Amino acid sequence: MSALKPGTLCVIIAGYPENIGLVVEVIQHLGHHEDREDAYFIRTVTGRPFHQIWSGNDLLRGHSSECITDRHKLRPLVDSKDDTDQDDNEIEKTYELVTG
């Protein structure tokens, strides 16, 4: 998976069921951090706290709007305009190849 840049908006797709679907912002890519291979420091976009997060050996509820998580739990939100621009470029290149 590619690294996410600070400021990237993502949706949580794995982990605690109560956190799935939350929209978060990437604050920092940490890389290898403690027992995580590809960690990110994130925060909720709304500023409301996560429903559940680990702090050491304790599972906390509503404790913080920032936490560290794994890359595989994050799915970046893509601007639909970006996809359209890419598709248009591919169509233009194909047209140029066909028409010479």
PDB file of N, CA and C in Angstrom:
ATOM      1  N   MET A   1       0.840  -1.182   0.000  1.00  0.00           N
ATOM      2  CA  MET A   1       0.000   0.000   0.000  1.00  0.00           C
ATOM      3  C   MET A   1       0.882   1.242   0.000  1.00  0.00           C
ATOM      4  N   SER A   2       0.419   2.254  -0.684  1.00  0.00           N
ATOM      5  CA  SER A   2       1.198   3.484  -0.741  1.00  0.00           C
ATOM      6  C   SER A   2       1.028   4.292   0.540  1.00  0.00           C
ATOM      7  N   ALA A   3       2.043   5.084   0.843  1.00  0.00           N
ATOM      8  CA  ALA A   3       2.003   5.927   2.033  1.00  0.00           C
ATOM      9  C   ALA A   3       0.989   7.046   1.835  1.00  0.00           C
ATOM     10  N   LEU A   4       0.292   7.383   2.904  1.00  0.00           N
ATOM     11  CA  LEU A   4      -0.689   8.465   2.877  1.00  0.00           C
ATOM     12  C   LEU A   4      -0.030   9.743   3.366  1.00  0.00           C
ATOM     13  N   LYS A   5      -0.303  10.837   2.692  1.00  0.00           N
ATOM     14  CA  LYS A   5       0.289  12.125   3.041  1.00  0.00           C
ATOM     15  C   LYS A   5      -0.509  12.800   4.158  1.00  0.00           C
ATOM     16  N   PRO A   6       0.154  13.621   4.968  1.00  0.00           N
ATOM     17  CA  PRO A   6      -0.576  14.398   5.968  1.00  0.00           C
ATOM     18  C   PRO A   6      -1.677  15.220   5.292  1.00  0.00           C
ATOM     19  N   GLY A   7      -2.827  15.262   5.943  1.00  0.00           N
ATOM     20  CA  GLY A   7      -3.975  15.981   5.398  1.00  0.00           C
ATOM     21  C   GLY A   7      -4.926  15.106   4.608  1.00  0.00           C
ATOM     22  N   THR A   8      -4.492  13.874   4.268  1.00  0.00           N
ATOM     23  CA  THR A   8      -5.350  12.967   3.517  1.00  0.00           C
ATOM     24  C   THR A   8      -6.542  12.554   4.379  1.00  0.00           C
ATOM     25  N   LEU A   9      -7.737  12.629   3.801  1.00  0.00           N
ATOM     26  CA  LEU A   9      -8.937  12.168   4.499  1.00  0.00           C
ATOM     27  C   LEU A   9      -9.146  10.694   4.181  1.00  0.00           C
ATOM     28  N   CYS A  10      -9.487   9.936   5.224  1.00  0.00           N
ATOM     29  CA  CYS A  10      -9.695   8.498   5.081  1.00  0.00           C
ATOM     30  C   CYS A  10     -10.929   8.088   5.858  1.00  0.00           C
ATOM     31  N   VAL A  11     -11.448   6.920   5.521  1.00  0.00           N
ATOM     32  CA  VAL A  11     -12.502   6.313   6.306  1.00  0.00           C
ATOM     33  C   VAL A  11     -11.910   5.071   6.963  1.00  0.00           C
ATOM     34  N   ILE A  12     -12.283   4.809   8.196  1.00  0.00           N
ATOM     35  CA  ILE A  12     -11.805   3.616   8.898  1.00  0.00           C
ATOM     36  C   ILE A  12     -12.617   2.429   8.403  1.00  0.00           C
ATOM     37  N   ILE A  13     -11.921   1.386   7.929  1.00  0.00           N
ATOM     38  CA  ILE A  13     -12.598   0.230   7.347  1.00  0.00           C
ATOM     39  C   ILE A  13     -12.385  -1.054   8.153  1.00  0.00           C
ATOM     40  N   ALA A  14     -11.596  -0.999   9.215  1.00  0.00           N
ATOM     41  CA  ALA A  14     -11.328  -2.200  10.012  1.00  0.00           C
ATOM     42  C   ALA A  14     -11.021  -1.781  11.443  1.00  0.00           C
ATOM     43  N   GLY A  15     -11.020  -2.749  12.325  1.00  0.00           N
ATOM     44  CA  GLY A  15     -10.742  -2.478  13.728  1.00  0.00           C
ATOM     45  C   GLY A  15     -12.006  -2.628  14.543  1.00  0.00           C
ATOM     46  N   TYR A  16     -12.158  -1.798  15.550  1.00  0.00           N
ATOM     47  CA  TYR A  16     -13.341  -1.870  16.406  1.00  0.00           C
ATOM     48  C   TYR A  16     -14.584  -1.478  15.626  1.00  0.00           C
ATOM     49  N   PRO A  17     -15.618  -2.296  15.707  1.00  0.00           N
ATOM     50  CA  PRO A  17     -16.835  -2.033  14.928  1.00  0.00           C
ATOM     51  C   PRO A  17     -17.413  -0.632  15.146  1.00  0.00           C
ATOM     52  N   GLU A  18     -17.284  -0.095  16.343  1.00  0.00           N
ATOM     53  CA  GLU A  18     -17.850   1.225  16.613  1.00  0.00           C
ATOM     54  C   GLU A  18     -17.064   2.342  15.926  1.00  0.00           C
ATOM     55  N   ASN A  19     -15.831   2.080  15.534  1.00  0.00           N
ATOM     56  CA  ASN A  19     -15.018   3.092  14.848  1.00  0.00           C
ATOM     57  C   ASN A  19     -15.113   2.993  13.325  1.00  0.00           C
ATOM     58  N   ILE A  20     -15.571   1.865  12.808  1.00  0.00           N
ATOM     59  CA  ILE A  20     -15.664   1.673  11.362  1.00  0.00           C
ATOM     60  C   ILE A  20     -16.647   2.691  10.781  1.00  0.00           C
ATOM     61  N   GLY A  21     -16.201   3.341   9.728  1.00  0.00           N
ATOM     62  CA  GLY A  21     -17.022   4.352   9.065  1.00  0.00           C
ATOM     63  C   GLY A  21     -16.685   5.778   9.466  1.00  0.00           C
ATOM     64  N   LEU A  22     -15.876   5.945  10.518  1.00  0.00           N
ATOM     65  CA  LEU A  22     -15.477   7.299  10.910  1.00  0.00           C
ATOM     66  C   LEU A  22     -14.536   7.883   9.859  1.00  0.00           C
ATOM     67  N   VAL A  23     -14.703   9.171   9.578  1.00  0.00           N
ATOM     68  CA  VAL A  23     -13.801   9.872   8.666  1.00  0.00           C
ATOM     69  C   VAL A  23     -12.714  10.518   9.509  1.00  0.00           C
ATOM     70  N   VAL A  24     -11.476  10.268   9.112  1.00  0.00           N
ATOM     71  CA  VAL A  24     -10.319  10.763   9.855  1.00  0.00           C
ATOM     72  C   VAL A  24      -9.362  11.478   8.908  1.00  0.00           C
ATOM     73  N   GLU A  25      -8.456  12.234   9.492  1.00  0.00           N
ATOM     74  CA  GLU A  25      -7.420  12.934   8.735  1.00  0.00           C
ATOM     75  C   GLU A  25      -6.060  12.404   9.170  1.00  0.00           C
ATOM     76  N   VAL A  26      -5.196  12.139   8.206  1.00  0.00           N
ATOM     77  CA  VAL A  26      -3.831  11.723   8.510  1.00  0.00           C
ATOM     78  C   VAL A  26      -3.051  12.932   9.012  1.00  0.00           C
ATOM     79  N   ILE A  27      -2.460  12.789  10.190  1.00  0.00           N
ATOM     80  CA  ILE A  27      -1.609  13.846  10.734  1.00  0.00           C
ATOM     81  C   ILE A  27      -0.155  13.575  10.376  1.00  0.00           C
ATOM     82  N   GLN A  28       0.251  12.289  10.537  1.00  0.00           N
ATOM     83  CA  GLN A  28       1.658  11.944  10.284  1.00  0.00           C
ATOM     84  C   GLN A  28       1.786  10.463   9.975  1.00  0.00           C
ATOM     85  N   HIS A  29       2.655  10.139   9.019  1.00  0.00           N
ATOM     86  CA  HIS A  29       3.015   8.756   8.740  1.00  0.00           C
ATOM     87  C   HIS A  29       4.176   8.397   9.656  1.00  0.00           C
ATOM     88  N   LEU A  30       3.982   7.418  10.517  1.00  0.00           N
ATOM     89  CA  LEU A  30       5.009   7.039  11.488  1.00  0.00           C
ATOM     90  C   LEU A  30       5.888   5.896  10.994  1.00  0.00           C
ATOM     91  N   GLY A  31       5.384   5.109  10.041  1.00  0.00           N
ATOM     92  CA  GLY A  31       6.127   3.937   9.591  1.00  0.00           C
ATOM     93  C   GLY A  31       6.127   2.869  10.673  1.00  0.00           C
ATOM     94  N   HIS A  32       7.264   2.196  10.859  1.00  0.00           N
ATOM     95  CA  HIS A  32       7.359   1.171  11.904  1.00  0.00           C
ATOM     96  C   HIS A  32       7.310   1.862  13.269  1.00  0.00           C
ATOM     97  N   HIS A  33       6.321   1.503  14.073  1.00  0.00           N
ATOM     98  CA  HIS A  33       6.130   2.147  15.374  1.00  0.00           C
ATOM     99  C   HIS A  33       5.658   1.092  16.372  1.00  0.00           C
ATOM    100  N   GLU A  34       6.473   0.854  17.397  1.00  0.00           N
ATOM    101  CA  GLU A  34       6.204  -0.179  18.401  1.00  0.00           C
ATOM    102  C   GLU A  34       5.927  -1.499  17.697  1.00  0.00           C
ATOM    103  N   ASP A  35       4.746  -2.090  17.831  1.00  0.00           N
ATOM    104  CA  ASP A  35       4.467  -3.386  17.201  1.00  0.00           C
ATOM    105  C   ASP A  35       3.761  -3.243  15.845  1.00  0.00           C
ATOM    106  N   ARG A  36       3.672  -2.049  15.318  1.00  0.00           N
ATOM    107  CA  ARG A  36       2.986  -1.807  14.042  1.00  0.00           C
ATOM    108  C   ARG A  36       4.013  -1.655  12.917  1.00  0.00           C
ATOM    109  N   GLU A  37       3.739  -2.315  11.793  1.00  0.00           N
ATOM    110  CA  GLU A  37       4.637  -2.248  10.640  1.00  0.00           C
ATOM    111  C   GLU A  37       4.508  -0.924   9.890  1.00  0.00           C
ATOM    112  N   ASP A  38       3.278  -0.426   9.742  1.00  0.00           N
ATOM    113  CA  ASP A  38       3.037   0.795   8.972  1.00  0.00           C
ATOM    114  C   ASP A  38       1.983   1.620   9.701  1.00  0.00           C
ATOM    115  N   ALA A  39       2.432   2.442  10.644  1.00  0.00           N
ATOM    116  CA  ALA A  39       1.527   3.174  11.532  1.00  0.00           C
ATOM    117  C   ALA A  39       1.306   4.610  11.071  1.00  0.00           C
ATOM    118  N   TYR A  40       0.131   5.119  11.428  1.00  0.00           N
ATOM    119  CA  TYR A  40      -0.253   6.500  11.148  1.00  0.00           C
ATOM    120  C   TYR A  40      -0.838   7.135  12.389  1.00  0.00           C
ATOM    121  N   PHE A  41      -0.505   8.405  12.579  1.00  0.00           N
ATOM    122  CA  PHE A  41      -1.117   9.204  13.631  1.00  0.00           C
ATOM    123  C   PHE A  41      -2.281   9.928  12.949  1.00  0.00           C
ATOM    124  N   ILE A  42      -3.501   9.729  13.467  1.00  0.00           N
ATOM    125  CA  ILE A  42      -4.701  10.263  12.825  1.00  0.00           C
ATOM    126  C   ILE A  42      -5.575  10.993  13.838  1.00  0.00           C
ATOM    127  N   ARG A  43      -6.542  11.768  13.317  1.00  0.00           N
ATOM    128  CA  ARG A  43      -7.538  12.398  14.186  1.00  0.00           C
ATOM    129  C   ARG A  43      -8.877  12.401  13.465  1.00  0.00           C
ATOM    130  N   THR A  44      -9.941  12.431  14.249  1.00  0.00           N
ATOM    131  CA  THR A  44     -11.268  12.488  13.656  1.00  0.00           C
ATOM    132  C   THR A  44     -11.478  13.861  13.021  1.00  0.00           C
ATOM    133  N   VAL A  45     -12.157  13.896  11.902  1.00  0.00           N
ATOM    134  CA  VAL A  45     -12.405  15.145  11.199  1.00  0.00           C
ATOM    135  C   VAL A  45     -13.344  16.042  11.998  1.00  0.00           C
ATOM    136  N   THR A  46     -14.303  15.445  12.683  1.00  0.00           N
ATOM    137  CA  THR A  46     -15.290  16.223  13.436  1.00  0.00           C
ATOM    138  C   THR A  46     -14.753  16.735  14.759  1.00  0.00           C
ATOM    139  N   GLY A  47     -13.648  16.157  15.232  1.00  0.00           N
ATOM    140  CA  GLY A  47     -13.124  16.519  16.543  1.00  0.00           C
ATOM    141  C   GLY A  47     -13.744  15.717  17.671  1.00  0.00           C
ATOM    142  N   ARG A  48     -14.762  14.931  17.339  1.00  0.00           N
ATOM    143  CA  ARG A  48     -15.371  14.071  18.355  1.00  0.00           C
ATOM    144  C   ARG A  48     -14.430  12.898  18.630  1.00  0.00           C
ATOM    145  N   PRO A  49     -14.428  12.392  19.844  1.00  0.00           N
ATOM    146  CA  PRO A  49     -13.505  11.294  20.176  1.00  0.00           C
ATOM    147  C   PRO A  49     -13.882   9.981  19.500  1.00  0.00           C
ATOM    148  N   PHE A  50     -12.862   9.126  19.340  1.00  0.00           N
ATOM    149  CA  PHE A  50     -13.101   7.769  18.854  1.00  0.00           C
ATOM    150  C   PHE A  50     -13.975   7.039  19.862  1.00  0.00           C
ATOM    151  N   HIS A  51     -14.790   6.112  19.380  1.00  0.00           N
ATOM    152  CA  HIS A  51     -15.640   5.340  20.275  1.00  0.00           C
ATOM    153  C   HIS A  51     -14.800   4.440  21.180  1.00  0.00           C
ATOM    154  N   GLN A  52     -13.763   3.826  20.599  1.00  0.00           N
ATOM    155  CA  GLN A  52     -12.900   2.919  21.350  1.00  0.00           C
ATOM    156  C   GLN A  52     -11.462   3.062  20.860  1.00  0.00           C
ATOM    157  N   ILE A  53     -10.512   3.162  21.793  1.00  0.00           N
ATOM    158  CA  ILE A  53      -9.089   3.113  21.440  1.00  0.00           C
ATOM    159  C   ILE A  53      -8.327   2.429  22.572  1.00  0.00           C
ATOM    160  N   TRP A  54      -7.214   1.829  22.207  1.00  0.00           N
ATOM    161  CA  TRP A  54      -6.333   1.216  23.199  1.00  0.00           C
ATOM    162  C   TRP A  54      -5.367   2.267  23.727  1.00  0.00           C
ATOM    163  N   SER A  55      -5.133   2.233  25.015  1.00  0.00           N
ATOM    164  CA  SER A  55      -4.079   3.023  25.643  1.00  0.00           C
ATOM    165  C   SER A  55      -3.324   2.057  26.545  1.00  0.00           C
ATOM    166  N   GLY A  56      -2.174   1.584  26.057  1.00  0.00           N
ATOM    167  CA  GLY A  56      -1.466   0.518  26.781  1.00  0.00           C
ATOM    168  C   GLY A  56      -2.308  -0.740  26.752  1.00  0.00           C
ATOM    169  N   ASN A  57      -2.657  -1.264  27.932  1.00  0.00           N
ATOM    170  CA  ASN A  57      -3.494  -2.463  28.019  1.00  0.00           C
ATOM    171  C   ASN A  57      -4.958  -2.136  28.294  1.00  0.00           C
ATOM    172  N   ASP A  58      -5.299  -0.857  28.286  1.00  0.00           N
ATOM    173  CA  ASP A  58      -6.654  -0.437  28.617  1.00  0.00           C
ATOM    174  C   ASP A  58      -7.429  -0.035  27.369  1.00  0.00           C
ATOM    175  N   LEU A  59      -8.667  -0.500  27.274  1.00  0.00           N
ATOM    176  CA  LEU A  59      -9.566  -0.103  26.203  1.00  0.00           C
ATOM    177  C   LEU A  59     -10.389   1.074  26.709  1.00  0.00           C
ATOM    178  N   LEU A  60     -10.199   2.235  26.077  1.00  0.00           N
ATOM    179  CA  LEU A  60     -10.865   3.451  26.529  1.00  0.00           C
ATOM    180  C   LEU A  60     -11.991   3.822  25.578  1.00  0.00           C
ATOM    181  N   ARG A  61     -13.045   4.390  26.120  1.00  0.00           N
ATOM    182  CA  ARG A  61     -14.183   4.853  25.318  1.00  0.00           C
ATOM    183  C   ARG A  61     -14.253   6.371  25.382  1.00  0.00           C
ATOM    184  N   GLY A  62     -14.343   7.006  24.216  1.00  0.00           N
ATOM    185  CA  GLY A  62     -14.511   8.443  24.158  1.00  0.00           C
ATOM    186  C   GLY A  62     -13.402   9.241  24.800  1.00  0.00           C
ATOM    187  N   HIS A  63     -12.199   8.712  24.740  1.00  0.00           N
ATOM    188  CA  HIS A  63     -11.064   9.320  25.436  1.00  0.00           C
ATOM    189  C   HIS A  63     -10.361  10.414  24.629  1.00  0.00           C
ATOM    190  N   SER A  64     -10.217  10.215  23.297  1.00  0.00           N
ATOM    191  CA  SER A  64      -9.408  11.132  22.497  1.00  0.00           C
ATOM    192  C   SER A  64      -9.904  11.168  21.057  1.00  0.00           C
ATOM    193  N   SER A  65      -9.654  12.280  20.388  1.00  0.00           N
ATOM    194  CA  SER A  65      -9.974  12.388  18.967  1.00  0.00           C
ATOM    195  C   SER A  65      -8.736  12.105  18.108  1.00  0.00           C
ATOM    196  N   GLU A  66      -7.618  11.732  18.733  1.00  0.00           N
ATOM    197  CA  GLU A  66      -6.389  11.395  18.031  1.00  0.00           C
ATOM    198  C   GLU A  66      -5.896  10.028  18.485  1.00  0.00           C
ATOM    199  N   CYS A  67      -5.297   9.289  17.561  1.00  0.00           N
ATOM    200  CA  CYS A  67      -4.738   7.983  17.928  1.00  0.00           C
ATOM    201  C   CYS A  67      -3.759   7.521  16.852  1.00  0.00           C
ATOM    202  N   ILE A  68      -3.120   6.410  17.116  1.00  0.00           N
ATOM    203  CA  ILE A  68      -2.224   5.758  16.162  1.00  0.00           C
ATOM    204  C   ILE A  68      -2.924   4.497  15.682  1.00  0.00           C
ATOM    205  N   THR A  69      -2.885   4.268  14.367  1.00  0.00           N
ATOM    206  CA  THR A  69      -3.526   3.079  13.805  1.00  0.00           C
ATOM    207  C   THR A  69      -2.676   2.512  12.675  1.00  0.00           C
ATOM    208  N   ASP A  70      -3.088   1.361  12.182  1.00  0.00           N
ATOM    209  CA  ASP A  70      -2.398   0.672  11.099  1.00  0.00           C
ATOM    210  C   ASP A  70      -2.917   1.140   9.743  1.00  0.00           C
ATOM    211  N   ARG A  71      -2.040   1.142   8.744  1.00  0.00           N
ATOM    212  CA  ARG A  71      -2.400   1.569   7.386  1.00  0.00           C
ATOM    213  C   ARG A  71      -3.547   0.746   6.812  1.00  0.00           C
ATOM    214  N   HIS A  72      -3.553  -0.568   7.058  1.00  0.00           N
ATOM    215  CA  HIS A  72      -4.572  -1.421   6.438  1.00  0.00           C
ATOM    216  C   HIS A  72      -5.985  -1.136   6.954  1.00  0.00           C
ATOM    217  N   LYS A  73      -6.104  -0.356   8.008  1.00  0.00           N
ATOM    218  CA  LYS A  73      -7.421   0.011   8.540  1.00  0.00           C
ATOM    219  C   LYS A  73      -7.958   1.297   7.924  1.00  0.00           C
ATOM    220  N   LEU A  74      -7.178   1.932   7.053  1.00  0.00           N
ATOM    221  CA  LEU A  74      -7.551   3.220   6.471  1.00  0.00           C
ATOM    222  C   LEU A  74      -7.774   3.117   4.972  1.00  0.00           C
ATOM    223  N   ARG A  75      -8.878   3.659   4.501  1.00  0.00           N
ATOM    224  CA  ARG A  75      -9.134   3.747   3.064  1.00  0.00           C
ATOM    225  C   ARG A  75      -9.234   5.219   2.705  1.00  0.00           C
ATOM    226  N   PRO A  76      -8.299   5.732   1.877  1.00  0.00           N
ATOM    227  CA  PRO A  76      -8.337   7.155   1.527  1.00  0.00           C
ATOM    228  C   PRO A  76      -9.595   7.502   0.736  1.00  0.00           C
ATOM    229  N   LEU A  77     -10.130   8.679   1.002  1.00  0.00           N
ATOM    230  CA  LEU A  77     -11.257   9.195   0.236  1.00  0.00           C
ATOM    231  C   LEU A  77     -10.684   9.899  -0.978  1.00  0.00           C
ATOM    232  N   VAL A  78     -11.138   9.531  -2.152  1.00  0.00           N
ATOM    233  CA  VAL A  78     -10.593  10.065  -3.390  1.00  0.00           C
ATOM    234  C   VAL A  78     -11.573  11.074  -3.955  1.00  0.00           C
ATOM    235  N   ASP A  79     -11.051  12.211  -4.382  1.00  0.00           N
ATOM    236  CA  ASP A  79     -11.869  13.224  -5.026  1.00  0.00           C
ATOM    237  C   ASP A  79     -12.293  12.701  -6.390  1.00  0.00           C
ATOM    238  N   SER A  80     -13.598  12.668  -6.645  1.00  0.00           N
ATOM    239  CA  SER A  80     -14.094  12.126  -7.914  1.00  0.00           C
ATOM    240  C   SER A  80     -13.537  12.891  -9.104  1.00  0.00           C
ATOM    241  N   LYS A  81     -13.206  14.156  -8.933  1.00  0.00           N
ATOM    242  CA  LYS A  81     -12.618  14.955 -10.004  1.00  0.00           C
ATOM    243  C   LYS A  81     -11.278  14.362 -10.430  1.00  0.00           C
ATOM    244  N   ASP A  82     -10.509  13.829  -9.485  1.00  0.00           N
ATOM    245  CA  ASP A  82      -9.219  13.223  -9.811  1.00  0.00           C
ATOM    246  C   ASP A  82      -9.399  12.038 -10.741  1.00  0.00           C
ATOM    247  N   ASP A  83     -10.383  11.183 -10.478  1.00  0.00           N
ATOM    248  CA  ASP A  83     -10.643  10.019 -11.319  1.00  0.00           C
ATOM    249  C   ASP A  83     -11.066  10.440 -12.719  1.00  0.00           C
ATOM    250  N   THR A  84     -11.913  11.458 -12.816  1.00  0.00           N
ATOM    251  CA  THR A  84     -12.404  11.931 -14.100  1.00  0.00           C
ATOM    252  C   THR A  84     -11.257  12.471 -14.936  1.00  0.00           C
ATOM    253  N   ASP A  85     -10.382  13.267 -14.338  1.00  0.00           N
ATOM    254  CA  ASP A  85      -9.245  13.808 -15.073  1.00  0.00           C
ATOM    255  C   ASP A  85      -8.370  12.695 -15.614  1.00  0.00           C
ATOM    256  N   GLN A  86      -8.143  11.661 -14.826  1.00  0.00           N
ATOM    257  CA  GLN A  86      -7.301  10.555 -15.262  1.00  0.00           C
ATOM    258  C   GLN A  86      -7.966   9.816 -16.422  1.00  0.00           C
ATOM    259  N   ASP A  87      -9.280   9.558 -16.305  1.00  0.00           N
ATOM    260  CA  ASP A  87      -9.997   8.877 -17.378  1.00  0.00           C
ATOM    261  C   ASP A  87      -9.944   9.679 -18.667  1.00  0.00           C
ATOM    262  N   ASP A  88     -10.137  11.008 -18.583  1.00  0.00           N
ATOM    263  CA  ASP A  88     -10.087  11.863 -19.761  1.00  0.00           C
ATOM    264  C   ASP A  88      -8.720  11.800 -20.427  1.00  0.00           C
ATOM    265  N   ASN A  89      -7.644  11.805 -19.634  1.00  0.00           N
ATOM    266  CA  ASN A  89      -6.292  11.727 -20.188  1.00  0.00           C
ATOM    267  C   ASN A  89      -6.070  10.410 -20.902  1.00  0.00           C
ATOM    268  N   GLU A  90      -6.578   9.306 -20.318  1.00  0.00           N
ATOM    269  CA  GLU A  90      -6.420   8.000 -20.950  1.00  0.00           C
ATOM    270  C   GLU A  90      -7.187   7.934 -22.260  1.00  0.00           C
ATOM    271  N   ILE A  91      -8.373   8.534 -22.319  1.00  0.00           N
ATOM    272  CA  ILE A  91      -9.171   8.544 -23.549  1.00  0.00           C
ATOM    273  C   ILE A  91      -8.444   9.347 -24.624  1.00  0.00           C
ATOM    274  N   GLU A  92      -7.898  10.522 -24.250  1.00  0.00           N
ATOM    275  CA  GLU A  92      -7.168  11.337 -25.216  1.00  0.00           C
ATOM    276  C   GLU A  92      -5.952  10.600 -25.766  1.00  0.00           C
ATOM    277  N   LYS A  93      -5.203   9.901 -24.904  1.00  0.00           N
ATOM    278  CA  LYS A  93      -4.018   9.162 -25.365  1.00  0.00           C
ATOM    279  C   LYS A  93      -4.424   8.045 -26.317  1.00  0.00           C
ATOM    280  N   THR A  94      -5.512   7.349 -26.003  1.00  0.00           N
ATOM    281  CA  THR A  94      -5.997   6.262 -26.865  1.00  0.00           C
ATOM    282  C   THR A  94      -6.414   6.829 -28.206  1.00  0.00           C
ATOM    283  N   TYR A  95      -7.119   7.974 -28.206  1.00  0.00           N
ATOM    284  CA  TYR A  95      -7.559   8.603 -29.454  1.00  0.00           C
ATOM    285  C   TYR A  95      -6.357   8.984 -30.315  1.00  0.00           C
ATOM    286  N   GLU A  96      -5.323   9.541 -29.702  1.00  0.00           N
ATOM    287  CA  GLU A  96      -4.121   9.923 -30.442  1.00  0.00           C
ATOM    288  C   GLU A  96      -3.443   8.716 -31.061  1.00  0.00           C
ATOM    289  N   LEU A  97      -3.416   7.587 -30.348  1.00  0.00           N
ATOM    290  CA  LEU A  97      -2.795   6.373 -30.888  1.00  0.00           C
ATOM    291  C   LEU A  97      -3.572   5.847 -32.073  1.00  0.00           C
ATOM    292  N   VAL A  98      -4.898   5.899 -31.992  1.00  0.00           N
ATOM    293  CA  VAL A  98      -5.741   5.359 -33.055  1.00  0.00           C
ATOM    294  C   VAL A  98      -5.722   6.260 -34.283  1.00  0.00           C
ATOM    295  N   THR A  99      -5.785   7.567 -34.082  1.00  0.00           N
ATOM    296  CA  THR A  99      -5.878   8.498 -35.219  1.00  0.00           C
ATOM    297  C   THR A  99      -4.506   8.912 -35.753  1.00  0.00           C
ATOM    298  N   GLY A 100      -3.475   8.661 -34.985  1.00  0.00           N
ATOM    299  CA  GLY A 100      -2.124   8.989 -35.444  1.00  0.00           C
ATOM    300  C   GLY A 100      -1.840  10.420 -35.292  1.00  0.00           C
TER     301      GLY A 100
END
